[in-house]
N, C-alpha and C. Protein backbone atom coordinates (compact mmCIF):
# COMPACT_ATOMS: atom_id res chain seq x y z
N MET A 1 7.93 16.95 48.93
CA MET A 1 9.29 16.66 49.28
C MET A 1 9.32 15.51 50.29
N PRO A 2 10.19 14.55 50.10
CA PRO A 2 10.24 13.43 51.04
C PRO A 2 10.93 13.79 52.36
N ASP A 3 10.47 13.12 53.42
CA ASP A 3 11.11 13.26 54.73
C ASP A 3 12.50 12.62 54.68
N VAL A 4 13.37 13.07 55.56
CA VAL A 4 14.68 12.43 55.68
C VAL A 4 14.49 11.03 56.27
N ASN A 5 15.37 10.12 55.91
CA ASN A 5 15.34 8.80 56.51
C ASN A 5 16.25 8.78 57.74
N ALA A 6 16.30 7.67 58.44
CA ALA A 6 17.08 7.60 59.69
C ALA A 6 18.56 7.88 59.45
N GLN A 7 19.10 7.37 58.34
CA GLN A 7 20.52 7.60 58.05
C GLN A 7 20.80 9.08 57.79
N GLN A 8 19.92 9.73 57.06
CA GLN A 8 20.08 11.16 56.79
C GLN A 8 19.94 11.97 58.08
N ALA A 9 18.98 11.59 58.91
CA ALA A 9 18.79 12.29 60.19
C ALA A 9 20.04 12.14 61.07
N GLN A 10 20.67 10.98 61.01
CA GLN A 10 21.89 10.76 61.80
C GLN A 10 23.00 11.70 61.35
N ARG A 11 23.05 12.05 60.09
CA ARG A 11 24.05 13.01 59.62
C ARG A 11 23.85 14.38 60.27
N LEU A 12 22.59 14.76 60.47
CA LEU A 12 22.29 16.02 61.15
C LEU A 12 22.77 15.96 62.60
N ILE A 13 22.48 14.86 63.26
CA ILE A 13 22.92 14.66 64.65
C ILE A 13 24.45 14.67 64.71
N ASN A 14 25.09 13.98 63.78
CA ASN A 14 26.56 13.94 63.76
C ASN A 14 27.16 15.33 63.61
N PHE A 15 26.56 16.15 62.73
CA PHE A 15 27.05 17.52 62.56
C PHE A 15 27.07 18.24 63.91
N ALA A 16 25.98 18.12 64.66
CA ALA A 16 25.89 18.81 65.95
C ALA A 16 26.83 18.20 66.99
N THR A 17 26.91 16.88 67.05
CA THR A 17 27.77 16.26 68.07
C THR A 17 29.25 16.55 67.81
N GLU A 18 29.62 16.69 66.55
CA GLU A 18 31.01 17.04 66.23
C GLU A 18 31.36 18.45 66.70
N ARG A 19 30.37 19.24 67.03
CA ARG A 19 30.59 20.62 67.45
C ARG A 19 30.36 20.83 68.94
N LEU A 20 30.12 19.75 69.68
CA LEU A 20 29.92 19.88 71.13
C LEU A 20 31.08 20.64 71.75
N GLY A 21 30.74 21.61 72.61
CA GLY A 21 31.74 22.39 73.30
C GLY A 21 32.32 23.54 72.49
N ARG A 22 31.87 23.69 71.25
CA ARG A 22 32.36 24.77 70.38
C ARG A 22 31.21 25.70 70.01
N VAL A 23 31.53 26.92 69.65
CA VAL A 23 30.53 27.86 69.15
C VAL A 23 30.37 27.60 67.66
N GLU A 24 29.13 27.39 67.23
CA GLU A 24 28.85 27.20 65.80
C GLU A 24 28.36 28.52 65.22
N GLY A 25 29.07 29.02 64.22
CA GLY A 25 28.68 30.28 63.59
C GLY A 25 28.64 31.40 64.61
N ASP A 26 27.52 32.12 64.66
CA ASP A 26 27.39 33.23 65.61
C ASP A 26 26.90 32.80 66.99
N GLY A 27 26.74 31.48 67.19
CA GLY A 27 26.36 30.96 68.50
C GLY A 27 24.87 30.95 68.77
N GLN A 28 24.06 31.46 67.87
CA GLN A 28 22.61 31.45 68.08
C GLN A 28 22.07 30.04 67.89
N CYS A 29 20.98 29.73 68.56
CA CYS A 29 20.42 28.38 68.51
C CYS A 29 20.04 27.97 67.09
N TRP A 30 19.41 28.86 66.36
CA TRP A 30 18.96 28.52 65.01
C TRP A 30 20.14 28.36 64.05
N THR A 31 21.27 29.00 64.34
CA THR A 31 22.43 28.90 63.46
C THR A 31 22.97 27.48 63.43
N LEU A 32 22.98 26.80 64.57
CA LEU A 32 23.42 25.41 64.61
C LEU A 32 22.59 24.58 63.63
N VAL A 33 21.27 24.73 63.69
CA VAL A 33 20.38 23.93 62.84
C VAL A 33 20.51 24.36 61.38
N ASP A 34 20.53 25.65 61.14
CA ASP A 34 20.63 26.16 59.77
C ASP A 34 21.93 25.70 59.12
N ASN A 35 23.05 25.82 59.83
CA ASN A 35 24.33 25.37 59.28
C ASN A 35 24.35 23.86 59.06
N ALA A 36 23.72 23.12 59.96
CA ALA A 36 23.64 21.66 59.81
C ALA A 36 22.83 21.31 58.56
N PHE A 37 21.70 21.97 58.36
CA PHE A 37 20.88 21.73 57.17
C PHE A 37 21.70 21.98 55.91
N ARG A 38 22.42 23.09 55.89
CA ARG A 38 23.22 23.43 54.71
C ARG A 38 24.31 22.38 54.47
N HIS A 39 24.95 21.95 55.56
CA HIS A 39 26.05 21.00 55.47
C HIS A 39 25.60 19.65 54.92
N VAL A 40 24.45 19.17 55.39
CA VAL A 40 23.99 17.83 54.99
C VAL A 40 23.03 17.86 53.80
N GLY A 41 22.68 19.07 53.31
CA GLY A 41 21.87 19.18 52.11
C GLY A 41 20.37 19.04 52.31
N PHE A 42 19.88 19.35 53.50
CA PHE A 42 18.44 19.31 53.75
C PHE A 42 17.78 20.57 53.20
N ASN A 43 16.51 20.46 52.86
CA ASN A 43 15.75 21.60 52.39
C ASN A 43 15.32 22.46 53.57
N LYS A 44 15.61 23.75 53.51
CA LYS A 44 15.17 24.70 54.54
C LYS A 44 14.06 25.55 53.95
N PRO A 45 12.83 25.37 54.46
CA PRO A 45 11.73 26.22 53.97
C PRO A 45 12.06 27.70 54.17
N ALA A 46 11.44 28.54 53.34
CA ALA A 46 11.72 29.98 53.38
C ALA A 46 11.24 30.64 54.66
N SER A 47 10.24 30.08 55.32
CA SER A 47 9.70 30.70 56.53
C SER A 47 10.70 30.60 57.68
N THR A 48 10.80 31.67 58.44
CA THR A 48 11.66 31.69 59.61
C THR A 48 11.13 30.72 60.65
N TYR A 49 12.02 30.00 61.30
CA TYR A 49 11.69 29.05 62.36
C TYR A 49 10.82 27.89 61.90
N VAL A 50 10.84 27.59 60.61
CA VAL A 50 10.18 26.40 60.07
C VAL A 50 11.28 25.52 59.52
N TRP A 51 11.26 24.22 59.90
CA TRP A 51 12.38 23.34 59.60
C TRP A 51 11.98 22.09 58.82
N GLY A 52 10.78 22.06 58.25
CA GLY A 52 10.33 20.89 57.49
C GLY A 52 8.85 20.66 57.68
N ARG A 53 8.46 19.39 57.66
CA ARG A 53 7.05 19.01 57.82
C ARG A 53 6.71 18.92 59.30
N VAL A 54 5.57 19.49 59.69
CA VAL A 54 5.15 19.46 61.10
C VAL A 54 4.74 18.04 61.48
N ILE A 55 5.25 17.61 62.63
CA ILE A 55 4.88 16.33 63.23
C ILE A 55 3.93 16.65 64.37
N ASN A 56 2.70 16.18 64.29
CA ASN A 56 1.67 16.60 65.25
C ASN A 56 1.71 15.86 66.58
N ASN A 57 2.25 14.64 66.61
CA ASN A 57 2.23 13.85 67.84
C ASN A 57 3.65 13.64 68.37
N LEU A 58 3.83 13.96 69.63
CA LEU A 58 5.13 13.77 70.26
C LEU A 58 5.59 12.32 70.13
N SER A 59 4.65 11.39 70.18
CA SER A 59 5.01 9.97 70.07
C SER A 59 5.61 9.62 68.70
N ASP A 60 5.41 10.49 67.71
CA ASP A 60 5.97 10.25 66.38
C ASP A 60 7.33 10.92 66.18
N ALA A 61 7.80 11.67 67.17
CA ALA A 61 9.10 12.33 67.06
C ALA A 61 10.20 11.28 67.01
N ARG A 62 11.23 11.58 66.23
CA ARG A 62 12.36 10.65 66.13
C ARG A 62 13.67 11.44 66.08
N PRO A 63 14.78 10.78 66.39
CA PRO A 63 16.07 11.47 66.37
C PRO A 63 16.29 12.17 65.03
N GLY A 64 16.79 13.41 65.13
CA GLY A 64 17.03 14.22 63.95
C GLY A 64 15.92 15.20 63.66
N ASP A 65 14.78 15.06 64.35
CA ASP A 65 13.72 16.06 64.21
C ASP A 65 14.18 17.34 64.89
N VAL A 66 13.59 18.45 64.47
CA VAL A 66 13.94 19.76 65.03
C VAL A 66 12.77 20.26 65.85
N PHE A 67 13.05 20.64 67.09
CA PHE A 67 12.03 21.21 67.98
C PHE A 67 12.18 22.72 67.98
N GLN A 68 11.06 23.40 67.79
CA GLN A 68 11.02 24.85 67.88
C GLN A 68 10.20 25.18 69.13
N PHE A 69 10.88 25.58 70.19
CA PHE A 69 10.24 25.87 71.48
C PHE A 69 9.76 27.32 71.51
N THR A 70 8.63 27.53 72.17
CA THR A 70 8.10 28.88 72.39
C THR A 70 7.74 29.01 73.86
N ARG A 71 8.46 29.90 74.55
CA ARG A 71 8.21 30.16 75.98
C ARG A 71 8.03 28.85 76.76
N TYR A 72 8.97 27.95 76.58
CA TYR A 72 8.91 26.61 77.16
C TYR A 72 9.62 26.59 78.50
N GLU A 73 8.99 25.98 79.48
CA GLU A 73 9.57 25.90 80.82
C GLU A 73 9.31 24.53 81.42
N VAL A 74 10.31 23.99 82.09
CA VAL A 74 10.20 22.70 82.77
C VAL A 74 10.56 22.90 84.23
N THR A 75 9.66 22.51 85.12
CA THR A 75 9.93 22.56 86.55
C THR A 75 9.92 21.13 87.08
N VAL A 76 11.00 20.76 87.77
CA VAL A 76 11.13 19.42 88.35
C VAL A 76 11.20 19.57 89.86
N ARG A 77 10.27 18.92 90.54
CA ARG A 77 10.27 18.92 92.01
C ARG A 77 10.49 17.48 92.47
N VAL A 78 11.53 17.30 93.30
CA VAL A 78 11.84 15.99 93.87
C VAL A 78 11.48 16.05 95.35
N THR A 79 10.53 15.22 95.75
CA THR A 79 10.04 15.19 97.13
C THR A 79 10.50 13.90 97.80
N GLN A 80 11.20 14.05 98.91
CA GLN A 80 11.69 12.91 99.68
C GLN A 80 10.56 12.32 100.52
N PRO A 81 10.70 11.08 100.97
CA PRO A 81 9.67 10.47 101.80
C PRO A 81 9.36 11.25 103.08
N ASP A 82 10.34 12.03 103.60
CA ASP A 82 10.11 12.82 104.81
C ASP A 82 9.39 14.13 104.53
N GLY A 83 9.06 14.40 103.25
CA GLY A 83 8.34 15.62 102.88
C GLY A 83 9.23 16.75 102.41
N SER A 84 10.54 16.65 102.63
CA SER A 84 11.43 17.70 102.13
C SER A 84 11.50 17.62 100.61
N TRP A 85 11.79 18.76 99.99
CA TRP A 85 11.82 18.77 98.53
C TRP A 85 12.81 19.79 97.99
N GLU A 86 13.20 19.56 96.74
CA GLU A 86 14.04 20.49 95.98
C GLU A 86 13.36 20.70 94.64
N GLU A 87 13.49 21.92 94.12
CA GLU A 87 12.84 22.24 92.86
C GLU A 87 13.80 23.01 91.96
N GLN A 88 13.79 22.67 90.67
CA GLN A 88 14.59 23.38 89.68
C GLN A 88 13.72 23.69 88.47
N THR A 89 13.94 24.87 87.89
CA THR A 89 13.21 25.27 86.70
C THR A 89 14.20 25.61 85.59
N MET A 90 13.89 25.15 84.40
CA MET A 90 14.71 25.37 83.22
C MET A 90 13.80 25.92 82.14
N SER A 91 14.27 26.90 81.39
CA SER A 91 13.42 27.45 80.32
C SER A 91 14.16 27.43 78.99
N ARG A 92 13.39 27.37 77.93
CA ARG A 92 13.88 27.45 76.56
C ARG A 92 12.90 28.30 75.78
N GLY A 93 13.42 29.20 75.00
CA GLY A 93 12.56 29.96 74.12
C GLY A 93 11.95 31.17 74.75
N GLU A 94 12.69 32.23 74.76
CA GLU A 94 12.17 33.51 75.26
C GLU A 94 12.33 34.54 74.18
N PRO A 95 11.56 34.59 73.13
CA PRO A 95 10.35 33.78 73.01
C PRO A 95 10.56 32.43 72.32
N ARG A 96 11.65 32.24 71.52
CA ARG A 96 11.81 31.00 70.76
C ARG A 96 13.20 30.38 70.99
N HIS A 97 13.23 29.05 70.77
CA HIS A 97 14.51 28.34 70.85
C HIS A 97 14.43 27.14 69.91
N THR A 98 15.54 26.86 69.21
CA THR A 98 15.61 25.79 68.23
C THR A 98 16.62 24.75 68.70
N ALA A 99 16.25 23.45 68.60
CA ALA A 99 17.15 22.38 69.04
C ALA A 99 16.91 21.12 68.20
N ILE A 100 17.94 20.29 68.10
CA ILE A 100 17.87 19.02 67.37
C ILE A 100 17.63 17.91 68.38
N LEU A 101 16.62 17.08 68.13
CA LEU A 101 16.32 15.95 68.99
C LEU A 101 17.35 14.85 68.76
N GLU A 102 18.01 14.43 69.85
CA GLU A 102 18.96 13.32 69.75
C GLU A 102 18.30 12.00 70.15
N SER A 103 17.48 12.04 71.22
CA SER A 103 16.80 10.82 71.66
C SER A 103 15.63 11.16 72.57
N VAL A 104 14.71 10.20 72.69
CA VAL A 104 13.57 10.32 73.60
C VAL A 104 13.57 9.08 74.47
N ASN A 105 13.37 9.28 75.77
CA ASN A 105 13.28 8.17 76.71
C ASN A 105 12.15 8.48 77.68
N GLY A 106 10.98 7.94 77.39
CA GLY A 106 9.82 8.19 78.25
C GLY A 106 9.39 9.64 78.20
N ASN A 107 9.42 10.29 79.36
CA ASN A 107 8.99 11.68 79.47
C ASN A 107 10.12 12.69 79.29
N ARG A 108 11.32 12.18 79.00
CA ARG A 108 12.49 13.05 78.83
C ARG A 108 13.05 12.91 77.42
N ALA A 109 13.72 13.96 76.98
CA ALA A 109 14.38 13.93 75.68
C ALA A 109 15.76 14.55 75.82
N THR A 110 16.65 14.15 74.94
CA THR A 110 17.99 14.73 74.89
C THR A 110 18.10 15.52 73.59
N PHE A 111 18.58 16.76 73.73
CA PHE A 111 18.68 17.67 72.60
C PHE A 111 20.11 18.13 72.40
N LEU A 112 20.44 18.45 71.16
CA LEU A 112 21.68 19.12 70.81
C LEU A 112 21.29 20.55 70.50
N GLU A 113 21.89 21.50 71.21
CA GLU A 113 21.44 22.89 71.11
C GLU A 113 22.58 23.83 71.44
N SER A 114 22.40 25.08 71.07
CA SER A 114 23.37 26.10 71.43
C SER A 114 22.64 27.33 71.93
N ASN A 115 23.42 28.25 72.48
CA ASN A 115 22.90 29.49 73.04
C ASN A 115 21.99 29.24 74.24
N VAL A 116 22.37 28.30 75.08
CA VAL A 116 21.64 28.06 76.33
C VAL A 116 22.49 28.44 77.54
N THR A 117 23.72 28.85 77.27
CA THR A 117 24.59 29.35 78.33
C THR A 117 25.27 30.61 77.80
N ASP A 118 25.92 31.33 78.67
CA ASP A 118 26.56 32.57 78.26
C ASP A 118 27.65 32.36 77.21
N ASP A 119 28.25 31.17 77.17
CA ASP A 119 29.34 30.95 76.21
C ASP A 119 28.86 30.53 74.83
N GLN A 120 27.60 30.23 74.66
CA GLN A 120 26.96 29.90 73.38
C GLN A 120 27.50 28.65 72.70
N THR A 121 28.18 27.78 73.43
CA THR A 121 28.69 26.56 72.81
C THR A 121 27.57 25.55 72.61
N VAL A 122 27.82 24.61 71.70
CA VAL A 122 26.87 23.52 71.44
C VAL A 122 26.90 22.59 72.65
N LYS A 123 25.72 22.24 73.13
CA LYS A 123 25.57 21.39 74.32
C LYS A 123 24.64 20.23 74.03
N ARG A 124 24.77 19.20 74.85
CA ARG A 124 23.82 18.08 74.88
C ARG A 124 23.09 18.22 76.21
N ASN A 125 21.77 18.43 76.14
CA ASN A 125 20.98 18.62 77.36
C ASN A 125 19.74 17.74 77.33
N GLY A 126 19.43 17.17 78.47
CA GLY A 126 18.21 16.39 78.61
C GLY A 126 17.25 17.09 79.54
N PHE A 127 15.98 17.07 79.19
CA PHE A 127 14.95 17.65 80.06
C PHE A 127 13.58 17.09 79.71
N GLY A 128 12.63 17.37 80.59
CA GLY A 128 11.28 16.85 80.45
C GLY A 128 10.55 17.43 79.26
N ILE A 129 9.76 16.57 78.62
CA ILE A 129 8.95 17.01 77.49
C ILE A 129 7.47 16.74 77.72
N ARG A 130 7.16 16.09 78.85
CA ARG A 130 5.77 15.82 79.22
C ARG A 130 5.60 16.07 80.71
N THR A 131 4.42 16.54 81.10
CA THR A 131 4.10 16.66 82.52
C THR A 131 3.86 15.25 83.05
N ALA A 132 4.53 14.89 84.13
CA ALA A 132 4.42 13.53 84.67
C ALA A 132 4.89 13.51 86.12
N THR A 133 4.42 12.52 86.86
CA THR A 133 4.88 12.28 88.23
C THR A 133 5.22 10.80 88.36
N THR A 134 6.40 10.53 88.93
CA THR A 134 6.81 9.15 89.18
C THR A 134 7.28 9.03 90.62
N THR A 135 7.18 7.82 91.16
CA THR A 135 7.68 7.53 92.50
C THR A 135 8.55 6.29 92.41
N ASP A 136 9.78 6.40 92.93
CA ASP A 136 10.68 5.25 92.86
C ASP A 136 10.45 4.31 94.04
N ASP A 137 11.20 3.21 94.07
CA ASP A 137 11.04 2.19 95.12
C ASP A 137 11.35 2.73 96.51
N ALA A 138 12.16 3.77 96.61
CA ALA A 138 12.52 4.35 97.91
C ALA A 138 11.48 5.38 98.37
N GLY A 139 10.45 5.61 97.56
CA GLY A 139 9.41 6.57 97.92
C GLY A 139 9.71 8.00 97.51
N VAL A 140 10.74 8.21 96.71
CA VAL A 140 11.07 9.55 96.23
C VAL A 140 10.16 9.87 95.05
N ARG A 141 9.44 10.97 95.17
CA ARG A 141 8.50 11.36 94.12
C ARG A 141 9.10 12.49 93.28
N THR A 142 9.09 12.30 91.96
CA THR A 142 9.58 13.31 91.04
C THR A 142 8.42 13.79 90.19
N SER A 143 8.13 15.08 90.29
CA SER A 143 7.06 15.70 89.51
C SER A 143 7.68 16.64 88.49
N THR A 144 7.35 16.42 87.24
CA THR A 144 7.81 17.26 86.14
C THR A 144 6.61 17.99 85.57
N THR A 145 6.70 19.31 85.53
CA THR A 145 5.63 20.13 84.97
C THR A 145 6.19 20.93 83.82
N VAL A 146 5.55 20.83 82.66
CA VAL A 146 5.99 21.60 81.50
C VAL A 146 4.93 22.62 81.13
N SER A 147 5.39 23.76 80.65
CA SER A 147 4.48 24.79 80.15
C SER A 147 5.10 25.42 78.92
N GLY A 148 4.32 26.20 78.20
CA GLY A 148 4.77 26.73 76.92
C GLY A 148 4.44 25.72 75.84
N SER A 149 5.14 25.82 74.73
CA SER A 149 4.83 24.91 73.63
C SER A 149 6.07 24.62 72.80
N PHE A 150 5.92 23.62 71.94
CA PHE A 150 6.95 23.34 70.94
C PHE A 150 6.27 22.79 69.70
N THR A 151 6.93 23.02 68.57
CA THR A 151 6.51 22.43 67.31
C THR A 151 7.63 21.51 66.87
N ILE A 152 7.26 20.32 66.42
CA ILE A 152 8.24 19.34 65.96
C ILE A 152 8.24 19.36 64.44
N TYR A 153 9.44 19.47 63.87
CA TYR A 153 9.58 19.48 62.41
C TYR A 153 10.40 18.27 61.97
N ARG A 154 9.94 17.60 60.95
CA ARG A 154 10.71 16.52 60.32
C ARG A 154 11.43 17.12 59.11
N PRO A 155 12.75 17.15 59.12
CA PRO A 155 13.49 17.69 57.97
C PRO A 155 13.14 16.94 56.69
N GLN A 156 13.33 17.63 55.58
CA GLN A 156 13.02 17.05 54.28
C GLN A 156 14.19 17.26 53.32
N VAL A 157 14.21 16.44 52.30
CA VAL A 157 15.22 16.55 51.26
C VAL A 157 14.53 16.75 49.92
N SER A 158 15.22 17.34 48.99
CA SER A 158 14.66 17.51 47.65
C SER A 158 14.44 16.15 47.02
N ALA A 159 13.38 16.03 46.24
CA ALA A 159 13.06 14.75 45.60
C ALA A 159 14.15 14.34 44.62
N ASN A 160 14.79 15.31 43.99
CA ASN A 160 15.88 15.03 43.03
C ASN A 160 17.14 15.74 43.49
N PRO A 161 17.88 15.11 44.44
CA PRO A 161 19.08 15.78 44.96
C PRO A 161 20.14 16.00 43.90
């Protein structure tokens, strides 16, 4: 089965962005992706939590790919030049979470996802996808630590739609 092209992947992203702030179906994370696949005519493999062909390298991920997170956690610590610091932790997938990749920018990605808040609405959220430390010109150091795992799936379409 062929992979979706960029235009087809954009249709998946459009489905999710049109639902920002609304509950899609029963509000579960996988429902957003499943309903999007059905709407745009993508092939959904029979296996649960499988969304297409596995992409092995994060550097090969592209908008419209589906991330399946497992016990994933991101901790960001911002340390000021005076040594004071603030830390925040965000988790996805207890044990699993499904999200559509909208964009990647360095060590961060933006996802379209649902069931990450009590209201279960579709959200656009950005968070770290790689462990990294950066220091800006003012001497502020930002350390991002990720744990857990994710599998990247490239959606596919039937060869003869």
